[in-house]
Protein backbone atom coordinates (compact mmCIF):
# COMPACT_ATOMS: atom_id res chain seq x y z
CA MET A 1 8.25 -5.27 27.55
CA GLU A 2 7.98 -8.18 29.96
CA LYS A 3 4.75 -9.35 28.32
CA ASN A 4 6.52 -9.47 24.94
CA ARG A 5 9.30 -11.62 26.37
CA CYS A 6 6.77 -13.99 27.90
CA TRP A 7 4.97 -14.35 24.57
CA GLU A 8 8.27 -14.96 22.80
CA LYS A 9 9.26 -17.67 25.28
CA LEU A 10 5.92 -19.42 24.78
CA SER A 11 6.21 -19.11 21.02
CA ARG A 12 9.74 -20.52 20.96
CA ALA A 13 8.80 -23.33 23.35
CA SER A 14 5.89 -24.45 21.18
CA ASN A 15 7.75 -23.95 17.88
CA PRO A 16 11.52 -24.24 18.39
CA VAL A 17 13.96 -23.16 15.68
CA ASN A 18 16.25 -25.83 14.31
CA LYS A 19 19.94 -25.10 14.48
CA ASN A 20 20.65 -25.46 10.77
CA ARG A 21 21.24 -22.88 8.08
CA ALA A 22 18.06 -23.54 6.09
CA ALA A 23 15.84 -23.12 9.16
CA LEU A 24 17.57 -19.88 10.11
CA GLU A 25 17.18 -18.52 6.57
CA ILE A 26 13.45 -19.33 6.64
CA LEU A 27 13.12 -17.64 10.04
CA GLU A 28 14.96 -14.57 8.77
CA TYR A 29 12.67 -14.36 5.71
CA GLN A 30 9.58 -14.75 7.89
CA THR A 31 10.71 -11.91 10.16
CA ARG A 32 11.61 -9.62 7.25
CA GLN A 33 8.15 -9.91 5.67
CA PRO A 34 6.24 -8.22 8.52
CA GLU A 35 8.96 -5.60 8.91
CA PHE A 36 8.60 -4.68 5.24
CA GLY A 37 4.85 -4.38 5.71
CA HIS A 38 5.40 -2.08 8.69
CA LEU A 39 7.78 0.03 6.59
CA ILE A 40 5.16 0.44 3.84
CA ILE A 41 2.52 1.45 6.40
CA PHE A 42 4.96 3.96 7.96
CA ILE A 43 5.69 5.53 4.57
CA VAL A 44 1.98 5.86 3.72
CA VAL A 45 1.14 7.39 7.10
CA ALA A 46 4.13 9.76 6.93
CA VAL A 47 3.23 10.96 3.43
CA LEU A 48 -0.40 11.51 4.42
CA GLY A 49 0.65 13.32 7.59
CA ILE A 50 2.96 15.63 5.67
CA ALA A 51 0.28 16.28 3.03
CA VAL A 52 -2.29 17.16 5.71
CA ALA A 53 0.18 19.40 7.52
CA LEU A 54 1.07 21.25 4.31
CA LEU A 55 -2.57 21.61 3.26
CA HIS A 56 -3.53 22.85 6.72
CA GLY A 57 -0.65 25.34 6.61
CA ILE A 58 -1.79 26.62 3.22
CA MET A 59 -5.38 27.02 4.41
CA GLU A 60 -4.32 28.85 7.57
CA SER A 61 -2.12 31.26 5.60
CA PHE A 62 -5.14 32.87 3.95
CA PRO A 63 -6.86 35.56 6.02
CA PHE A 64 -10.36 34.46 5.10
CA GLY A 65 -9.92 30.96 6.49
CA SER A 66 -11.73 28.36 4.41
CA PHE A 67 -10.58 29.28 0.93
CA PHE A 68 -10.32 25.62 -0.13
């Protein structure tokens, strides 16, 4: 966590945010873009994880093992 704070301090020192509304709106948009990308990746990984878990459960429910 401390490393993240250090990086953020360096980032803010080299590229300070202006104290006006337009600059804050741009900053908010720029921070929402990566968060949306992370959300999409989370959904894809979660769906694939659930699909694998269900498929594995179906395969293990048969007594002869590798039916599929």
